[in-house]
Amino acid sequence: MSENNQICPKCNSVNCYNDGLLWICPECFFEWNPEENNEAAEDAPQYLDANGVALQTGDTVIVVKDLKVGKDTLKSGTKVKNIRLLDVPEDGHDISCKVDGFGSMYLKCSVVKKAK
């Protein structure tokens, strides 16, 4: 690959740009030097919430926007306990969980934030 075209080692984005010695990914905000060993990229968290915070199985999250679920709406601010991160995303969704009043469902990391 030429020096003008770098692919992000963390998220595989092709929209990266050079800023001096470092390359920067505008999609996941990862910065790296292509001349250094990028083991840190492999150790980077795979599941990030809407704020870029790493998620883990068992975490409690809060929905950050209203979501249409059939004829009902899952409201922003709904707390979801004990999430399970999927190894293989299900139709673009990476979280399996049970939501009170809605039952089992899948969510995307991008629509939740980690609860404190």
N, C-alpha and C. Protein backbone atom coordinates (compact mmCIF):
# COMPACT_ATOMS: atom_id res chain seq x y z
N MET A 1 0.85 -1.18 0.00
CA MET A 1 0.00 0.00 0.00
C MET A 1 0.89 1.23 0.00
N SER A 2 0.55 2.21 -0.78
CA SER A 2 1.37 3.41 -0.85
C SER A 2 1.18 4.24 0.41
N GLU A 3 2.10 5.16 0.63
CA GLU A 3 2.03 5.99 1.83
C GLU A 3 0.83 6.94 1.80
N ASN A 4 0.26 7.19 0.63
CA ASN A 4 -0.88 8.11 0.53
C ASN A 4 -2.20 7.44 0.87
N ASN A 5 -2.22 6.12 0.95
CA ASN A 5 -3.47 5.40 1.22
C ASN A 5 -3.26 4.46 2.38
N GLN A 6 -3.66 4.88 3.56
CA GLN A 6 -3.56 4.02 4.74
C GLN A 6 -4.96 3.57 5.13
N ILE A 7 -5.07 2.32 5.57
CA ILE A 7 -6.32 1.78 6.09
C ILE A 7 -6.16 1.70 7.60
N CYS A 8 -7.17 2.14 8.33
CA CYS A 8 -7.13 2.13 9.79
C CYS A 8 -6.96 0.70 10.30
N PRO A 9 -5.95 0.45 11.12
CA PRO A 9 -5.74 -0.91 11.64
C PRO A 9 -6.78 -1.30 12.70
N LYS A 10 -7.55 -0.34 13.19
CA LYS A 10 -8.55 -0.63 14.21
C LYS A 10 -9.91 -0.94 13.61
N CYS A 11 -10.40 -0.08 12.67
CA CYS A 11 -11.75 -0.27 12.13
C CYS A 11 -11.78 -0.53 10.62
N ASN A 12 -10.60 -0.54 9.98
CA ASN A 12 -10.46 -0.81 8.55
C ASN A 12 -11.06 0.28 7.65
N SER A 13 -11.21 1.48 8.17
CA SER A 13 -11.72 2.59 7.38
C SER A 13 -10.66 3.01 6.36
N VAL A 14 -11.12 3.45 5.20
CA VAL A 14 -10.21 3.95 4.17
C VAL A 14 -10.15 5.47 4.16
N ASN A 15 -10.89 6.12 5.07
CA ASN A 15 -10.98 7.58 5.11
C ASN A 15 -9.96 8.21 6.04
N CYS A 16 -8.75 7.69 6.09
CA CYS A 16 -7.72 8.16 7.01
C CYS A 16 -6.90 9.27 6.37
N TYR A 17 -6.31 10.10 7.22
CA TYR A 17 -5.48 11.18 6.71
C TYR A 17 -4.21 11.29 7.54
N ASN A 18 -3.19 11.89 6.94
CA ASN A 18 -1.89 12.04 7.56
C ASN A 18 -1.81 13.39 8.25
N ASP A 19 -1.27 13.40 9.48
CA ASP A 19 -1.07 14.63 10.24
C ASP A 19 0.35 14.59 10.80
N GLY A 20 1.31 14.91 9.96
CA GLY A 20 2.72 14.83 10.37
C GLY A 20 3.18 13.40 10.36
N LEU A 21 3.62 12.88 11.51
CA LEU A 21 4.10 11.50 11.59
C LEU A 21 2.96 10.50 11.78
N LEU A 22 1.82 10.96 12.26
CA LEU A 22 0.72 10.06 12.57
C LEU A 22 -0.35 10.05 11.49
N TRP A 23 -1.01 8.91 11.36
CA TRP A 23 -2.21 8.80 10.56
C TRP A 23 -3.40 8.80 11.52
N ILE A 24 -4.51 9.41 11.10
CA ILE A 24 -5.67 9.57 11.95
C ILE A 24 -6.90 9.05 11.20
N CYS A 25 -7.71 8.28 11.93
CA CYS A 25 -8.97 7.78 11.38
C CYS A 25 -10.10 8.67 11.90
N PRO A 26 -10.83 9.35 11.02
CA PRO A 26 -11.92 10.21 11.47
C PRO A 26 -13.16 9.43 11.92
N GLU A 27 -13.20 8.13 11.65
CA GLU A 27 -14.38 7.33 12.03
C GLU A 27 -14.28 6.78 13.44
N CYS A 28 -13.10 6.27 13.83
CA CYS A 28 -12.95 5.71 15.18
C CYS A 28 -11.95 6.49 16.02
N PHE A 29 -11.35 7.54 15.43
CA PHE A 29 -10.42 8.45 16.11
C PHE A 29 -9.11 7.79 16.54
N PHE A 30 -8.78 6.65 15.93
CA PHE A 30 -7.53 5.97 16.23
C PHE A 30 -6.38 6.70 15.53
N GLU A 31 -5.26 6.83 16.22
CA GLU A 31 -4.06 7.45 15.65
C GLU A 31 -2.93 6.43 15.68
N TRP A 32 -2.15 6.37 14.61
CA TRP A 32 -1.05 5.42 14.57
C TRP A 32 0.06 5.90 13.65
N ASN A 33 1.23 5.34 13.90
CA ASN A 33 2.39 5.58 13.06
C ASN A 33 2.61 4.30 12.27
N PRO A 34 2.49 4.32 10.95
CA PRO A 34 2.59 3.09 10.16
C PRO A 34 3.98 2.45 10.22
N GLU A 35 4.96 3.19 10.71
CA GLU A 35 6.31 2.63 10.79
C GLU A 35 6.54 1.90 12.11
N GLU A 36 5.61 2.00 13.06
CA GLU A 36 5.73 1.32 14.34
C GLU A 36 4.87 0.07 14.34
N ASN A 37 5.17 -0.84 15.26
CA ASN A 37 4.37 -2.05 15.43
C ASN A 37 3.03 -1.65 16.04
N ASN A 38 1.93 -2.02 15.41
CA ASN A 38 0.60 -1.59 15.84
C ASN A 38 -0.13 -2.64 16.65
N GLU A 39 0.54 -3.22 17.67
CA GLU A 39 -0.13 -4.19 18.53
C GLU A 39 -1.26 -3.54 19.32
N ALA A 40 -1.16 -2.26 19.62
CA ALA A 40 -2.20 -1.57 20.38
C ALA A 40 -3.52 -1.59 19.63
N ALA A 41 -3.49 -1.55 18.32
CA ALA A 41 -4.73 -1.56 17.54
C ALA A 41 -5.46 -2.89 17.70
N GLU A 42 -4.71 -3.99 17.83
CA GLU A 42 -5.33 -5.29 17.99
C GLU A 42 -5.95 -5.42 19.37
N ASP A 43 -5.38 -4.75 20.38
CA ASP A 43 -5.89 -4.81 21.74
C ASP A 43 -7.02 -3.80 21.98
N ALA A 44 -7.29 -2.94 21.03
CA ALA A 44 -8.30 -1.90 21.20
C ALA A 44 -9.68 -2.54 21.35
N PRO A 45 -10.56 -1.92 22.13
CA PRO A 45 -11.89 -2.49 22.31
C PRO A 45 -12.66 -2.56 21.00
N GLN A 46 -13.37 -3.65 20.84
CA GLN A 46 -14.13 -3.86 19.61
C GLN A 46 -15.51 -3.23 19.69
N TYR A 47 -16.07 -3.13 20.89
CA TYR A 47 -17.42 -2.62 21.07
C TYR A 47 -17.37 -1.29 21.80
N LEU A 48 -17.76 -0.22 21.11
CA LEU A 48 -17.73 1.12 21.69
C LEU A 48 -19.14 1.70 21.70
N ASP A 49 -19.49 2.38 22.79
CA ASP A 49 -20.81 3.00 22.86
C ASP A 49 -20.85 4.29 22.06
N ALA A 50 -21.95 5.02 22.14
CA ALA A 50 -22.12 6.25 21.36
C ALA A 50 -21.08 7.31 21.72
N ASN A 51 -20.48 7.21 22.91
CA ASN A 51 -19.46 8.17 23.34
C ASN A 51 -18.04 7.65 23.16
N GLY A 52 -17.88 6.47 22.56
CA GLY A 52 -16.56 5.90 22.35
C GLY A 52 -16.01 5.15 23.54
N VAL A 53 -16.85 4.85 24.53
CA VAL A 53 -16.42 4.10 25.72
C VAL A 53 -16.58 2.60 25.45
N ALA A 54 -15.58 1.82 25.86
CA ALA A 54 -15.60 0.38 25.63
C ALA A 54 -16.72 -0.28 26.43
N LEU A 55 -17.42 -1.21 25.77
CA LEU A 55 -18.47 -1.97 26.42
C LEU A 55 -18.01 -3.41 26.62
N GLN A 56 -18.54 -4.05 27.67
CA GLN A 56 -18.24 -5.44 27.95
C GLN A 56 -19.53 -6.17 28.28
N THR A 57 -19.52 -7.48 28.06
CA THR A 57 -20.68 -8.28 28.44
C THR A 57 -20.92 -8.11 29.94
N GLY A 58 -22.19 -7.92 30.31
CA GLY A 58 -22.57 -7.73 31.71
C GLY A 58 -22.75 -6.27 32.09
N ASP A 59 -22.33 -5.34 31.23
CA ASP A 59 -22.48 -3.92 31.52
C ASP A 59 -23.95 -3.50 31.55
N THR A 60 -24.19 -2.37 32.18
CA THR A 60 -25.50 -1.71 32.13
C THR A 60 -25.35 -0.50 31.23
N VAL A 61 -26.30 -0.33 30.31
CA VAL A 61 -26.25 0.78 29.36
C VAL A 61 -27.55 1.56 29.41
N ILE A 62 -27.51 2.75 28.84
CA ILE A 62 -28.69 3.61 28.73
C ILE A 62 -28.90 3.95 27.26
N VAL A 63 -30.13 3.79 26.79
CA VAL A 63 -30.48 4.10 25.40
C VAL A 63 -30.40 5.62 25.23
N VAL A 64 -29.74 6.10 24.16
CA VAL A 64 -29.53 7.53 23.99
C VAL A 64 -30.49 8.19 23.01
N LYS A 65 -31.34 7.40 22.34
CA LYS A 65 -32.34 8.01 21.47
C LYS A 65 -33.56 7.11 21.40
N ASP A 66 -34.71 7.70 21.09
CA ASP A 66 -35.94 6.93 20.97
C ASP A 66 -35.80 5.93 19.83
N LEU A 67 -36.25 4.68 20.08
CA LEU A 67 -36.18 3.64 19.07
C LEU A 67 -37.56 3.05 18.84
N LYS A 68 -37.96 2.96 17.60
CA LYS A 68 -39.25 2.38 17.24
C LYS A 68 -39.13 0.86 17.32
N VAL A 69 -39.95 0.23 18.15
CA VAL A 69 -39.95 -1.23 18.31
C VAL A 69 -41.36 -1.70 18.02
N GLY A 70 -41.59 -2.13 16.80
CA GLY A 70 -42.94 -2.50 16.39
C GLY A 70 -43.83 -1.27 16.44
N LYS A 71 -44.94 -1.36 17.18
CA LYS A 71 -45.83 -0.21 17.30
C LYS A 71 -45.50 0.64 18.52
N ASP A 72 -44.56 0.17 19.35
CA ASP A 72 -44.16 0.89 20.55
C ASP A 72 -42.85 1.64 20.32
N THR A 73 -42.47 2.45 21.32
CA THR A 73 -41.21 3.20 21.25
C THR A 73 -40.41 2.96 22.52
N LEU A 74 -39.16 2.55 22.33
CA LEU A 74 -38.22 2.43 23.44
C LEU A 74 -37.63 3.81 23.66
N LYS A 75 -37.94 4.42 24.78
CA LYS A 75 -37.61 5.83 25.03
C LYS A 75 -36.13 6.02 25.37
N SER A 76 -35.64 7.17 24.99
CA SER A 76 -34.30 7.60 25.37
C SER A 76 -34.23 7.65 26.89
N GLY A 77 -33.12 7.18 27.46
CA GLY A 77 -32.97 7.17 28.90
C GLY A 77 -33.31 5.84 29.54
N THR A 78 -33.83 4.89 28.76
CA THR A 78 -34.17 3.57 29.29
C THR A 78 -32.88 2.84 29.67
N LYS A 79 -32.86 2.31 30.89
CA LYS A 79 -31.69 1.58 31.37
C LYS A 79 -31.84 0.10 31.02
N VAL A 80 -30.76 -0.47 30.47
CA VAL A 80 -30.74 -1.88 30.10
C VAL A 80 -29.60 -2.54 30.86
N LYS A 81 -29.93 -3.53 31.68
CA LYS A 81 -28.94 -4.19 32.53
C LYS A 81 -28.44 -5.49 31.90
N ASN A 82 -27.22 -5.84 32.24
CA ASN A 82 -26.63 -7.13 31.91
C ASN A 82 -26.67 -7.45 30.41
N ILE A 83 -26.08 -6.57 29.60
CA ILE A 83 -26.06 -6.79 28.16
C ILE A 83 -25.12 -7.95 27.81
N ARG A 84 -25.32 -8.51 26.64
CA ARG A 84 -24.43 -9.55 26.13
C ARG A 84 -23.95 -9.11 24.75
N LEU A 85 -22.63 -8.99 24.60
CA LEU A 85 -22.05 -8.58 23.31
C LEU A 85 -21.95 -9.81 22.41
N LEU A 86 -22.37 -9.65 21.18
CA LEU A 86 -22.39 -10.76 20.23
C LEU A 86 -21.07 -10.88 19.49
N ASP A 87 -20.56 -12.11 19.37
CA ASP A 87 -19.33 -12.34 18.60
C ASP A 87 -19.58 -12.07 17.13
N VAL A 88 -20.75 -12.46 16.66
CA VAL A 88 -21.14 -12.24 15.27
C VAL A 88 -22.37 -11.34 15.29
N PRO A 89 -22.26 -10.11 14.77
CA PRO A 89 -23.42 -9.20 14.79
C PRO A 89 -24.64 -9.81 14.11
N GLU A 90 -25.79 -9.55 14.68
CA GLU A 90 -27.06 -10.03 14.15
C GLU A 90 -27.74 -8.90 13.40
N ASP A 91 -27.68 -8.93 12.08
CA ASP A 91 -28.31 -7.91 11.24
C ASP A 91 -27.83 -6.50 11.60
N GLY A 92 -26.52 -6.37 11.90
CA GLY A 92 -25.94 -5.08 12.22
C GLY A 92 -26.02 -4.70 13.69
N HIS A 93 -26.66 -5.52 14.50
CA HIS A 93 -26.80 -5.26 15.92
C HIS A 93 -25.76 -6.07 16.69
N ASP A 94 -25.09 -5.43 17.66
CA ASP A 94 -24.02 -6.12 18.37
C ASP A 94 -24.32 -6.42 19.83
N ILE A 95 -25.50 -6.05 20.33
CA ILE A 95 -25.86 -6.28 21.72
C ILE A 95 -27.15 -7.10 21.78
N SER A 96 -27.13 -8.14 22.60
CA SER A 96 -28.33 -8.91 22.91
C SER A 96 -28.70 -8.58 24.35
N CYS A 97 -29.99 -8.30 24.59
CA CYS A 97 -30.39 -7.90 25.95
C CYS A 97 -31.87 -8.15 26.15
N LYS A 98 -32.29 -7.98 27.42
CA LYS A 98 -33.70 -8.01 27.76
C LYS A 98 -34.06 -6.65 28.32
N VAL A 99 -35.11 -6.05 27.76
CA VAL A 99 -35.56 -4.72 28.18
C VAL A 99 -36.91 -4.87 28.87
N ASP A 100 -37.01 -4.36 30.10
CA ASP A 100 -38.27 -4.43 30.84
C ASP A 100 -39.40 -3.85 30.00
N GLY A 101 -40.47 -4.60 29.86
CA GLY A 101 -41.63 -4.15 29.12
C GLY A 101 -41.55 -4.44 27.62
N PHE A 102 -40.37 -4.87 27.14
CA PHE A 102 -40.21 -5.15 25.71
C PHE A 102 -39.72 -6.58 25.46
N GLY A 103 -39.05 -7.18 26.42
CA GLY A 103 -38.53 -8.54 26.25
C GLY A 103 -37.15 -8.54 25.61
N SER A 104 -36.80 -9.66 25.01
CA SER A 104 -35.48 -9.83 24.39
C SER A 104 -35.40 -9.04 23.10
N MET A 105 -34.26 -8.42 22.88
CA MET A 105 -34.05 -7.68 21.64
C MET A 105 -32.57 -7.48 21.38
N TYR A 106 -32.26 -7.03 20.18
CA TYR A 106 -30.91 -6.67 19.79
C TYR A 106 -30.81 -5.16 19.69
N LEU A 107 -29.67 -4.61 20.10
CA LEU A 107 -29.40 -3.17 19.98
C LEU A 107 -28.05 -2.97 19.32
N LYS A 108 -27.84 -1.78 18.81
CA LYS A 108 -26.54 -1.40 18.27
C LYS A 108 -25.79 -0.61 19.33
N CYS A 109 -24.47 -0.78 19.36
CA CYS A 109 -23.64 -0.03 20.31
C CYS A 109 -23.80 1.47 20.12
N SER A 110 -24.07 1.89 18.91
CA SER A 110 -24.15 3.31 18.60
C SER A 110 -25.37 4.02 19.19
N VAL A 111 -26.33 3.27 19.73
CA VAL A 111 -27.54 3.89 20.29
C VAL A 111 -27.59 3.77 21.81
N VAL A 112 -26.48 3.36 22.43
CA VAL A 112 -26.44 3.26 23.89
C VAL A 112 -25.19 3.94 24.43
N LYS A 113 -25.25 4.28 25.71
CA LYS A 113 -24.05 4.76 26.40
C LYS A 113 -23.91 3.96 27.68
N LYS A 114 -22.68 3.75 28.09
CA LYS A 114 -22.41 2.96 29.29
C LYS A 114 -22.89 3.72 30.51
N ALA A 115 -23.62 3.04 31.39
CA ALA A 115 -24.11 3.66 32.62
C ALA A 115 -22.97 3.73 33.63
N LYS A 116 -23.01 4.75 34.48
CA LYS A 116 -21.94 4.91 35.47
C LYS A 116 -22.21 4.13 36.72
